[in-house]
Amino acid sequence: MHITMVGTGYVGLVTGTCFANTGNDVTCLDVDESKIEKLNRGESPIYEPGLDALIARNVKAGRLHFTSDKASAYEQAEAIFICVGTPSDADGRADLKYILGAAADIGDAIESAPGATGGDANERRAKIIAIKSTVPVGTNAKVKAEIAARTNKPFQMASNPEFLKEGAAIADFQKPDRVVIGIEDEGAGRRLWDLYQPFVRQGNPIFIMDIPSAEMVKYASNAMLATKISFINEIANLCEHYQADIDEVRRGMCSDKRIGNQFLYPGLGYGGSCFPKDVLACISMGDEAGHGTALLRAVHEVNQDQRGTFIAKIDRHFGDGSGGPASLAGKRIAVWGIAFKPHTDDVREAPSITIMQALLDRGATVVAYDPVAHESCEQVLGDRIEYADDAPDALDGADALVVCTDWDEFKHPDMDDAKRRMKDPVVFDGRNLYRRKAMRESGFTYYCVGREPVVDEPATA
C-alpha cells in the first residue's frame, strides 16, 4: 500500500517506519525542513531505542521516504495518516489547528488530483484519511467537513488511535495488545484490517468500531492508567502519615488479580506528552458536554500536588522549621534523571523539571545527569543548571541527591563512592529505588515516597 504519514513526530515516524518494514511504500511528510533534512541524512530527530536502525534499513530498501512537498506526498497515497500535534490550550482543550490545517491540504490535494468524481470503482480507490493523533470525540467529523468543503471527490474517514509507549514504541507497534479502527465505510475497514494483519499474527485483536467510540478508546485508556498512578500516590501519602510502608501495602493489594500490579508504583506522578494532555482533554470534553468529570479532575490535581509534596520534604530537611520554602543558597543539589521516564529523552511535563525549577527558585546550584535527555533539558532550562557527564560526577560536592527518573544505571550504584563524593550524604528518592536498611547501614539520610525516612534516629526496615 502507498501510505503517507502527515507529521514526523513520535507517532508519525515510528508508525511510518514500521509500516515500511512490512513492505509498504511510505512517505513521511513534514513542514519542518530541518527535520526532513536530518531524516534524509539518516538521523532521527527523536530518541527511541532501535528506531535509527529501522529507518536506515527501510530507506536503503527504498520503502521509506521523507519530504516537505505536500503535492508529491499526497498524490499516490492510498491511505493518509494524520499524526500532527494536538497541544493543550490554556483551558486544557486540545488545539486542533494542525489537524484542520492538514485536512485543508488533503482536501485541496484530492480536488486537484486527476480522475473521475464518482462510481463504485472510484469509491473503492478513494483515499482513506485516518486520524492517528489523539483527538477529542467529534474531531473526525470536523476533519471530514473540512475536506468535503474543498472537494466533491470521494474519500473515506477512519480513526486509528495509537497506543505507543515511549522507550518501547517499536515493540508496541509490531506486537500490539490491540489495534483499534473506527470507520464509516466497511471497505475502509477491510483495507486497514489488511494493513495491520502482519502485526497481529500472534492472535491479538483488531477492533473495528464506529468512529466516536474509537476516538474515545485512547482517552479512556490513558485516563485509566493516569488514575492508577494518582491512586497509588495518594495511598503512599497516607502511608507516610500513618507509618505504613507503601511497598508492603502494594504487595498485599496487588496480589488481588482484580487489581493487578501495573501502573501502581508510587513516585513523582506521571508526565510526558500523553497522560497530562489526555486527562485535561477528558475534563474539557466533560465541561463542553455539561457533564462534570470529578474523578479525572481529582486525578489531575493529585498528580500535580505530588511534586509539591516531594519538594516539601526537601524544604523540611533544609528549612528552619517554619514550614515554608527553604533557603538553598550555597547548596549544591545533584539530580539523577531528567526525562519523564526511562528510555526516552522526552522532558515534556517531566516531574524533574518542576523539581529543578523549585530548587533554583530556592537559590540552589543544580547539577543534573541523564543518559539521553541533556539536550532536551537545555531547551527548557538552558544554562540555569549544570550538566554532568555521568552519574557519579554529578555527586561531587553535593549537599543532596534527588532521584527523579528510574533509569537502570541508578538502581544499584556504588553507595560508598557516592558518600565519599558528596558533601553531605542525603538522598531524596522520588522512585523508591533503594532499600531503607541498606541506606541506613551506608550512613545516608534517606527520604522516599510512602515509607518512613531514614534520619538520625534508627528506623525499622
Protein backbone atom coordinates (compact mmCIF):
# COMPACT_ATOMS: atom_id res chain seq x y z
CA MET A 1 0.00 0.00 0.00
CA HIS A 2 1.15 3.57 -0.69
CA ILE A 3 0.96 5.40 2.63
CA THR A 4 1.60 8.98 3.65
CA MET A 5 2.26 9.94 7.27
CA VAL A 6 1.50 13.60 7.99
CA GLY A 7 3.94 14.63 10.69
CA THR A 8 7.34 13.14 11.60
CA GLY A 9 6.95 13.41 15.34
CA TYR A 10 6.99 10.45 17.65
CA VAL A 11 3.83 8.77 16.36
CA GLY A 12 4.24 9.51 12.66
CA LEU A 13 7.87 8.47 12.45
CA VAL A 14 7.52 5.22 14.40
CA THR A 15 4.28 4.25 12.63
CA GLY A 16 5.57 5.08 9.16
CA THR A 17 8.82 3.22 9.70
CA CYS A 18 7.04 0.11 10.98
CA PHE A 19 4.60 0.15 8.05
CA ALA A 20 7.55 0.40 5.66
CA ASN A 21 9.20 -2.51 7.41
CA THR A 22 6.33 -4.78 6.36
CA GLY A 23 6.71 -3.92 2.69
CA ASN A 24 4.56 -0.83 2.25
CA ASP A 25 5.75 2.26 0.37
CA VAL A 26 5.71 5.05 2.96
CA THR A 27 6.24 8.78 2.61
CA CYS A 28 6.64 10.86 5.75
CA LEU A 29 5.60 14.48 5.26
CA ASP A 30 6.57 17.39 7.48
CA VAL A 31 6.63 21.17 7.06
CA ASP A 32 9.79 21.40 9.19
CA GLU A 33 12.53 21.49 6.56
CA SER A 34 15.28 20.95 9.13
CA LYS A 35 13.62 17.73 10.30
CA ILE A 36 13.32 16.44 6.76
CA GLU A 37 16.95 17.30 6.03
CA LYS A 38 18.01 15.49 9.18
CA LEU A 39 15.98 12.40 8.30
CA ASN A 40 17.33 12.37 4.76
CA ARG A 41 20.83 12.33 6.28
CA GLY A 42 19.82 9.22 8.18
CA GLU A 43 19.46 10.98 11.54
CA SER A 44 16.37 10.55 13.68
CA PRO A 45 15.02 13.73 15.31
CA ILE A 46 13.75 11.72 18.30
CA TYR A 47 15.33 9.23 20.67
CA GLU A 48 13.70 5.80 20.57
CA PRO A 49 15.67 2.57 21.01
CA GLY A 50 16.02 0.70 17.73
CA LEU A 51 14.41 3.37 15.56
CA ASP A 52 17.58 4.65 13.85
CA ALA A 53 18.48 1.19 12.55
CA LEU A 54 14.94 0.51 11.36
CA ILE A 55 14.81 3.83 9.49
CA ALA A 56 18.17 3.17 7.84
CA ARG A 57 17.12 -0.33 6.74
CA ASN A 58 13.90 0.84 5.09
CA VAL A 59 15.41 3.92 3.49
CA LYS A 60 18.09 1.69 1.95
CA ALA A 61 15.37 -0.68 0.70
CA GLY A 62 13.59 2.24 -0.98
CA ARG A 63 10.39 1.82 1.03
CA LEU A 64 10.69 4.88 3.30
CA HIS A 65 10.88 8.48 2.07
CA PHE A 66 10.87 11.91 3.69
CA THR A 67 9.63 15.12 2.09
CA SER A 68 8.18 18.56 2.72
CA ASP A 69 6.44 18.56 -0.70
CA LYS A 70 2.73 18.15 0.02
CA ALA A 71 1.69 17.61 -3.59
CA SER A 72 4.04 14.68 -4.14
CA ALA A 73 3.28 13.20 -0.70
CA TYR A 74 -0.47 13.10 -1.28
CA GLU A 75 -0.59 12.25 -4.98
CA GLN A 76 -0.09 8.47 -4.84
CA ALA A 77 -1.23 7.87 -1.27
CA GLU A 78 -3.94 5.26 -0.78
CA ALA A 79 -4.02 5.92 2.96
CA ILE A 80 -3.09 9.17 4.69
CA PHE A 81 -2.44 9.04 8.42
CA ILE A 82 -2.67 12.38 10.24
CA CYS A 83 -0.13 12.34 13.07
CA VAL A 84 0.32 16.02 13.91
CA GLY A 85 0.38 17.52 17.38
CA THR A 86 -2.71 18.40 19.40
CA PRO A 87 -1.30 20.54 22.23
CA SER A 88 -3.48 21.65 25.12
CA ASP A 89 -4.58 25.27 25.22
CA ALA A 90 -4.75 27.30 28.43
CA ASP A 91 -8.05 25.64 29.39
CA GLY A 92 -6.85 22.09 28.70
CA ARG A 93 -8.71 21.74 25.41
CA ALA A 94 -6.92 20.00 22.54
CA ASP A 95 -5.84 22.56 19.96
CA LEU A 96 -6.92 21.21 16.55
CA LYS A 97 -5.33 23.85 14.31
CA TYR A 98 -2.67 21.47 12.98
CA ILE A 99 -5.23 18.71 12.40
CA LEU A 100 -7.57 21.02 10.49
CA GLY A 101 -4.67 22.54 8.58
CA ALA A 102 -3.68 19.07 7.39
CA ALA A 103 -7.31 18.37 6.47
CA ALA A 104 -7.42 21.50 4.30
CA ASP A 105 -4.23 20.47 2.49
CA ILE A 106 -5.60 16.97 1.92
CA GLY A 107 -8.89 18.32 0.58
CA ASP A 108 -7.05 20.53 -1.89
CA ALA A 109 -4.85 17.60 -2.95
CA ILE A 110 -7.83 15.33 -3.56
CA GLU A 111 -9.59 18.02 -5.56
CA SER A 112 -6.58 18.74 -7.76
CA ALA A 113 -5.80 15.08 -8.46
CA PRO A 114 -6.89 13.78 -11.89
CA GLY A 115 -9.74 11.28 -12.13
CA ALA A 116 -13.50 10.92 -12.03
CA THR A 117 -15.62 12.03 -9.12
CA GLY A 118 -17.96 9.09 -8.68
CA GLY A 119 -18.79 5.45 -9.35
CA ASP A 120 -18.18 2.29 -7.37
CA ALA A 121 -14.64 1.79 -8.73
CA ASN A 122 -13.62 5.28 -7.66
CA GLU A 123 -15.20 4.75 -4.25
CA ARG A 124 -13.04 1.64 -3.81
CA ARG A 125 -9.94 3.63 -4.78
CA ALA A 126 -10.85 6.59 -2.57
CA LYS A 127 -8.12 7.75 -0.24
CA ILE A 128 -8.50 6.72 3.39
CA ILE A 129 -7.93 9.63 5.77
CA ALA A 130 -7.05 8.08 9.14
CA ILE A 131 -6.52 10.24 12.22
CA LYS A 132 -3.86 8.73 14.45
CA SER A 133 -3.33 11.83 16.60
CA THR A 134 -5.13 11.73 19.92
CA VAL A 135 -8.17 13.93 19.35
CA PRO A 136 -11.44 14.70 21.19
CA VAL A 137 -14.55 12.85 20.15
CA GLY A 138 -16.05 14.59 17.14
CA THR A 139 -12.76 15.59 15.54
CA ASN A 140 -13.13 13.13 12.67
CA ALA A 141 -16.41 14.80 11.78
CA LYS A 142 -14.68 18.20 11.72
CA VAL A 143 -11.91 16.86 9.50
CA LYS A 144 -14.44 15.27 7.18
CA ALA A 145 -16.31 18.57 6.89
CA GLU A 146 -13.07 20.47 6.19
CA ILE A 147 -12.09 18.08 3.39
CA ALA A 148 -15.62 17.93 1.95
CA ALA A 149 -15.71 21.72 1.79
CA ARG A 150 -12.79 21.58 -0.66
CA THR A 151 -13.70 18.62 -2.87
CA ASN A 152 -16.65 16.60 -4.11
CA LYS A 153 -14.45 13.62 -4.87
CA PRO A 154 -14.77 10.51 -2.68
CA PHE A 155 -12.64 9.86 0.39
CA GLN A 156 -13.09 7.66 3.44
CA MET A 157 -12.59 8.66 7.07
CA ALA A 158 -11.13 6.46 9.80
CA SER A 159 -9.99 6.82 13.39
CA ASN A 160 -6.89 4.79 14.30
CA PRO A 161 -5.64 5.81 17.75
CA GLU A 162 -2.07 4.96 18.75
CA PHE A 163 -1.02 3.14 21.91
CA LEU A 164 2.76 3.53 21.83
CA LYS A 165 4.87 3.75 24.97
CA GLU A 166 7.93 5.92 24.62
CA GLY A 167 11.00 3.75 25.03
CA ALA A 168 9.17 0.64 23.77
CA ALA A 169 7.31 2.06 20.78
CA ILE A 170 8.65 -0.28 18.11
CA ALA A 171 7.79 -3.40 20.10
CA ASP A 172 4.38 -1.90 20.92
CA PHE A 173 3.64 -1.30 17.25
CA GLN A 174 4.98 -4.58 15.97
CA LYS A 175 3.23 -6.65 18.66
CA PRO A 176 0.27 -4.54 19.79
CA ASP A 177 -2.11 -5.51 22.59
CA ARG A 178 -4.87 -4.46 20.21
CA VAL A 179 -5.49 -2.37 17.13
CA VAL A 180 -8.49 -0.03 17.17
CA ILE A 181 -10.03 1.16 13.90
CA GLY A 182 -13.07 3.40 13.72
CA ILE A 183 -14.80 3.53 10.34
CA GLU A 184 -17.85 4.79 8.46
CA ASP A 185 -17.27 2.55 5.43
CA GLU A 186 -16.76 -1.22 5.55
CA GLY A 187 -14.40 -1.03 2.59
CA ALA A 188 -12.05 1.25 4.52
CA GLY A 189 -12.24 -1.16 7.43
CA ARG A 190 -11.18 -4.10 5.25
CA ARG A 191 -8.27 -2.17 3.74
CA LEU A 192 -6.96 -1.06 7.14
CA TRP A 193 -7.54 -4.55 8.57
CA ASP A 194 -5.30 -5.94 5.81
CA LEU A 195 -2.67 -3.29 6.55
CA TYR A 196 -2.48 -4.30 10.22
CA GLN A 197 -2.63 -8.08 9.73
CA PRO A 198 1.17 -8.61 9.81
CA PHE A 199 1.27 -7.14 13.31
CA VAL A 200 -1.41 -9.31 14.97
CA ARG A 201 -0.47 -12.79 13.87
CA GLN A 202 0.17 -13.69 17.50
CA GLY A 203 -3.59 -13.55 17.99
CA ASN A 204 -4.20 -10.13 19.49
CA PRO A 205 -7.39 -8.46 18.24
CA ILE A 206 -8.21 -5.81 15.68
CA PHE A 207 -11.33 -3.99 16.86
CA ILE A 208 -13.47 -2.45 14.11
CA MET A 209 -15.99 0.02 15.54
CA ASP A 210 -17.70 3.33 14.93
CA ILE A 211 -15.54 6.44 14.80
CA PRO A 212 -16.71 8.20 18.02
CA SER A 213 -16.06 5.03 20.03
CA ALA A 214 -12.58 4.67 18.53
CA GLU A 215 -11.82 8.30 19.37
CA MET A 216 -12.87 7.68 22.97
CA VAL A 217 -10.85 4.46 23.43
CA LYS A 218 -7.49 6.26 23.63
CA TYR A 219 -8.75 8.80 26.16
CA ALA A 220 -10.41 6.14 28.28
CA SER A 221 -7.25 4.03 28.28
CA ASN A 222 -4.89 6.84 29.26
CA ALA A 223 -7.31 8.25 31.82
CA MET A 224 -7.50 4.84 33.49
CA LEU A 225 -3.72 4.46 33.66
CA ALA A 226 -3.33 8.01 34.98
CA THR A 227 -5.95 7.25 37.61
CA LYS A 228 -3.97 4.23 38.83
CA ILE A 229 -0.83 6.36 39.19
CA SER A 230 -2.60 9.09 41.15
CA PHE A 231 -4.37 6.49 43.29
CA ILE A 232 -1.17 4.77 44.42
CA ASN A 233 0.47 8.13 45.13
CA GLU A 234 -2.46 9.18 47.28
CA ILE A 235 -2.24 5.91 49.21
CA ALA A 236 1.53 6.39 49.54
CA ASN A 237 0.99 9.81 51.12
CA LEU A 238 -1.44 8.27 53.59
CA CYS A 239 1.14 5.61 54.42
CA GLU A 240 3.66 8.28 55.38
CA HIS A 241 1.20 9.85 57.82
CA TYR A 242 0.39 6.52 59.48
CA GLN A 243 3.87 4.91 59.40
CA ALA A 244 2.77 2.24 56.95
CA ASP A 245 5.09 1.05 54.17
CA ILE A 246 3.70 1.54 50.67
CA ASP A 247 5.87 -1.29 49.34
CA GLU A 248 4.22 -3.74 51.72
CA VAL A 249 0.78 -2.25 51.09
CA ARG A 250 1.31 -2.53 47.37
CA ARG A 251 2.39 -6.16 47.64
CA GLY A 252 -0.69 -7.08 49.61
CA MET A 253 -3.04 -5.09 47.39
CA CYS A 254 -1.67 -6.12 44.01
CA SER A 255 -1.86 -9.84 44.75
CA ASP A 256 -5.60 -9.44 44.12
CA LYS A 257 -5.98 -10.49 40.48
CA ARG A 258 -8.80 -7.99 40.03
CA ILE A 259 -6.34 -5.19 40.75
CA GLY A 260 -3.07 -6.37 39.22
CA ASN A 261 0.25 -4.56 39.60
CA GLN A 262 0.78 -2.40 36.52
CA PHE A 263 0.98 1.40 36.88
CA LEU A 264 0.70 1.07 40.65
CA TYR A 265 4.18 2.27 41.64
CA PRO A 266 4.42 5.32 43.89
CA GLY A 267 6.64 8.16 42.80
CA LEU A 268 6.58 11.70 41.49
CA GLY A 269 3.49 11.34 39.32
CA TYR A 270 3.01 10.97 35.60
CA GLY A 271 4.45 13.23 32.92
CA GLY A 272 5.18 13.09 29.20
CA SER A 273 3.12 14.10 26.21
CA CYS A 274 0.09 11.84 26.70
CA PHE A 275 -1.28 11.40 30.21
CA PRO A 276 -1.32 15.08 31.29
CA LYS A 277 -2.77 16.26 27.98
CA ASP A 278 -5.31 13.46 27.66
CA VAL A 279 -6.64 13.80 31.21
CA LEU A 280 -7.10 17.54 30.68
CA ALA A 281 -8.81 16.87 27.35
CA CYS A 282 -11.27 14.50 29.05
CA ILE A 283 -12.03 17.15 31.65
CA SER A 284 -12.56 19.69 28.86
CA MET A 285 -14.84 17.32 26.94
CA GLY A 286 -16.90 16.90 30.11
CA ASP A 287 -17.18 20.65 30.55
CA GLU A 288 -18.31 21.13 26.96
CA ALA A 289 -20.92 18.40 27.34
CA GLY A 290 -22.16 19.82 30.64
CA HIS A 291 -21.09 16.64 32.39
CA GLY A 292 -18.51 17.19 35.11
CA THR A 293 -15.60 14.75 35.40
CA ALA A 294 -14.98 14.91 39.13
CA LEU A 295 -12.80 11.81 39.26
CA LEU A 296 -10.46 12.95 36.49
CA ARG A 297 -10.19 16.43 37.99
CA ALA A 298 -9.01 14.76 41.19
CA VAL A 299 -6.59 12.55 39.24
CA HIS A 300 -5.01 15.66 37.70
CA GLU A 301 -4.88 17.55 40.98
CA VAL A 302 -3.32 14.64 42.88
CA ASN A 303 -0.70 14.26 40.16
CA GLN A 304 0.27 17.93 40.21
CA ASP A 305 0.28 18.04 44.02
CA GLN A 306 2.60 15.04 44.20
CA ARG A 307 5.51 17.13 43.00
CA GLY A 308 4.84 19.74 45.66
CA THR A 309 4.58 17.03 48.30
CA PHE A 310 8.04 15.79 47.36
CA ILE A 311 9.54 19.28 47.25
CA ALA A 312 8.14 19.84 50.76
CA LYS A 313 10.42 17.03 52.00
CA ILE A 314 13.41 18.98 50.72
CA ASP A 315 12.10 22.12 52.40
CA ARG A 316 11.65 20.33 55.73
CA HIS A 317 15.15 18.90 55.64
CA PHE A 318 16.91 22.15 54.79
CA GLY A 319 14.41 24.58 56.31
CA ASP A 320 14.30 26.49 59.57
CA GLY A 321 11.21 24.75 60.88
CA SER A 322 8.80 27.46 59.80
CA GLY A 323 7.15 25.17 57.26
CA GLY A 324 7.83 27.46 54.30
CA PRO A 325 10.22 27.10 51.36
CA ALA A 326 13.80 26.53 52.49
CA SER A 327 16.68 28.75 51.50
CA LEU A 328 19.08 26.65 49.48
CA ALA A 329 21.55 29.45 48.80
CA GLY A 330 25.03 27.94 48.75
CA LYS A 331 23.66 24.41 48.43
CA ARG A 332 24.65 22.16 45.53
CA ILE A 333 21.96 19.63 44.64
CA ALA A 334 22.61 16.69 42.31
CA VAL A 335 19.72 15.36 40.22
CA TRP A 336 19.71 11.90 38.67
CA GLY A 337 17.24 11.60 35.82
CA ILE A 338 15.63 14.33 33.73
CA ALA A 339 13.39 12.50 31.23
CA PHE A 340 9.84 11.89 32.43
CA LYS A 341 10.57 8.15 32.34
CA PRO A 342 13.45 5.85 31.31
CA HIS A 343 14.39 5.03 27.70
CA THR A 344 13.31 8.39 26.28
CA ASP A 345 14.70 11.91 26.01
CA ASP A 346 11.23 13.45 26.45
CA VAL A 347 11.04 16.07 29.20
CA ARG A 348 7.50 17.29 28.48
CA GLU A 349 5.66 17.62 31.81
CA ALA A 350 8.57 15.80 33.46
CA PRO A 351 8.49 15.95 37.28
CA SER A 352 12.24 16.63 37.23
CA ILE A 353 11.70 19.99 35.52
CA THR A 354 9.24 21.11 38.19
CA ILE A 355 11.59 19.96 40.95
CA MET A 356 14.69 21.57 39.45
CA GLN A 357 12.86 24.84 38.92
CA ALA A 358 11.82 24.76 42.59
CA LEU A 359 15.44 24.12 43.65
CA LEU A 360 16.63 27.01 41.51
CA ASP A 361 13.94 29.29 42.92
CA ARG A 362 15.24 28.47 46.40
CA GLY A 363 18.75 29.52 45.42
CA ALA A 364 20.38 26.12 44.87
CA THR A 365 23.01 25.24 42.33
CA VAL A 366 21.67 22.25 40.40
CA VAL A 367 23.82 19.71 38.56
CA ALA A 368 21.90 17.05 36.64
CA TYR A 369 22.68 13.84 34.83
CA ASP A 370 20.51 11.84 32.43
CA PRO A 371 21.73 9.24 29.91
CA VAL A 372 19.95 10.86 26.94
CA ALA A 373 17.89 13.92 27.95
CA HIS A 374 20.52 16.65 28.41
CA GLU A 375 19.80 18.29 25.08
CA SER A 376 16.04 18.21 25.67
CA CYS A 377 16.53 19.76 29.11
CA GLU A 378 18.73 22.52 27.70
CA GLN A 379 15.81 23.61 25.53
CA VAL A 380 13.78 24.17 28.72
CA LEU A 381 16.24 25.23 31.42
CA GLY A 382 19.17 26.33 29.27
CA ASP A 383 22.29 27.07 31.29
CA ARG A 384 20.40 27.66 34.54
CA ILE A 385 21.65 24.24 35.64
CA GLU A 386 24.92 22.34 35.16
CA TYR A 387 25.09 19.03 33.31
CA ALA A 388 27.30 16.16 34.41
CA ASP A 389 28.83 13.65 32.01
CA ASP A 390 27.98 10.69 34.23
CA ALA A 391 26.03 9.91 37.37
CA PRO A 392 28.95 9.77 39.85
CA ASP A 393 30.39 13.09 38.67
CA ALA A 394 27.09 14.82 39.45
CA LEU A 395 27.61 13.94 43.12
CA ASP A 396 30.91 15.75 43.60
CA GLY A 397 30.48 18.24 46.43
CA ALA A 398 26.69 17.79 46.52
CA ASP A 399 24.68 18.63 49.63
CA ALA A 400 21.97 16.18 48.48
CA LEU A 401 20.97 13.88 45.65
CA VAL A 402 17.47 13.94 44.15
CA VAL A 403 16.45 10.88 42.09
CA CYS A 404 13.76 11.77 39.55
CA THR A 405 13.88 9.01 36.90
CA ASP A 406 14.34 5.29 37.41
CA TRP A 407 17.00 4.59 34.79
CA ASP A 408 18.60 1.18 35.29
CA GLU A 409 22.04 2.65 35.99
CA PHE A 410 20.68 4.41 39.08
CA LYS A 411 19.29 1.25 40.66
CA HIS A 412 22.47 -0.21 42.16
CA PRO A 413 25.12 2.50 42.43
CA ASP A 414 28.30 2.31 44.48
CA MET A 415 26.99 3.99 47.62
CA ASP A 416 30.40 4.05 49.31
CA ASP A 417 31.76 6.04 46.35
CA ALA A 418 28.67 8.25 46.39
CA LYS A 419 29.17 9.04 50.08
CA ARG A 420 32.83 9.92 49.51
CA ARG A 421 31.93 12.29 46.69
CA MET A 422 29.06 14.09 48.43
CA LYS A 423 29.48 16.90 50.88
CA ASP A 424 26.51 15.58 52.86
CA PRO A 425 25.07 12.07 52.36
CA VAL A 426 21.41 12.97 51.83
CA VAL A 427 19.19 11.30 49.22
CA PHE A 428 15.67 12.27 48.16
CA ASP A 429 14.47 9.25 46.20
CA GLY A 430 11.40 10.03 44.10
CA ARG A 431 11.27 6.50 42.66
CA ASN A 432 11.85 4.30 45.75
CA LEU A 433 14.89 2.67 44.17
CA TYR A 434 16.77 1.88 47.36
CA ARG A 435 16.24 -0.27 50.45
CA ARG A 436 15.93 1.74 53.63
CA LYS A 437 18.03 -0.74 55.59
CA ALA A 438 20.90 -0.50 53.07
CA MET A 439 20.77 3.29 53.09
CA ARG A 440 20.86 3.41 56.88
CA GLU A 441 23.79 0.99 57.01
CA SER A 442 25.63 3.11 54.44
CA GLY A 443 25.19 6.20 56.61
CA PHE A 444 22.73 8.11 54.42
CA THR A 445 19.84 10.31 55.38
CA TYR A 446 17.17 8.96 53.08
CA TYR A 447 13.76 10.27 52.05
CA CYS A 448 11.47 8.29 49.78
CA VAL A 449 7.76 8.01 48.86
CA GLY A 450 5.22 6.26 51.08
CA ARG A 451 7.83 4.91 53.50
CA GLU A 452 9.38 6.23 56.69
CA PRO A 453 12.55 8.22 56.04
CA VAL A 454 15.92 7.16 57.35
CA VAL A 455 17.06 10.05 59.51
CA ASP A 456 19.27 10.43 62.57
CA GLU A 457 17.25 8.11 64.75
CA PRO A 458 17.15 4.40 63.76
CA ALA A 459 14.07 3.33 61.81
CA THR A 460 12.65 -0.12 61.19
CA ALA A 461 13.46 -1.70 57.83
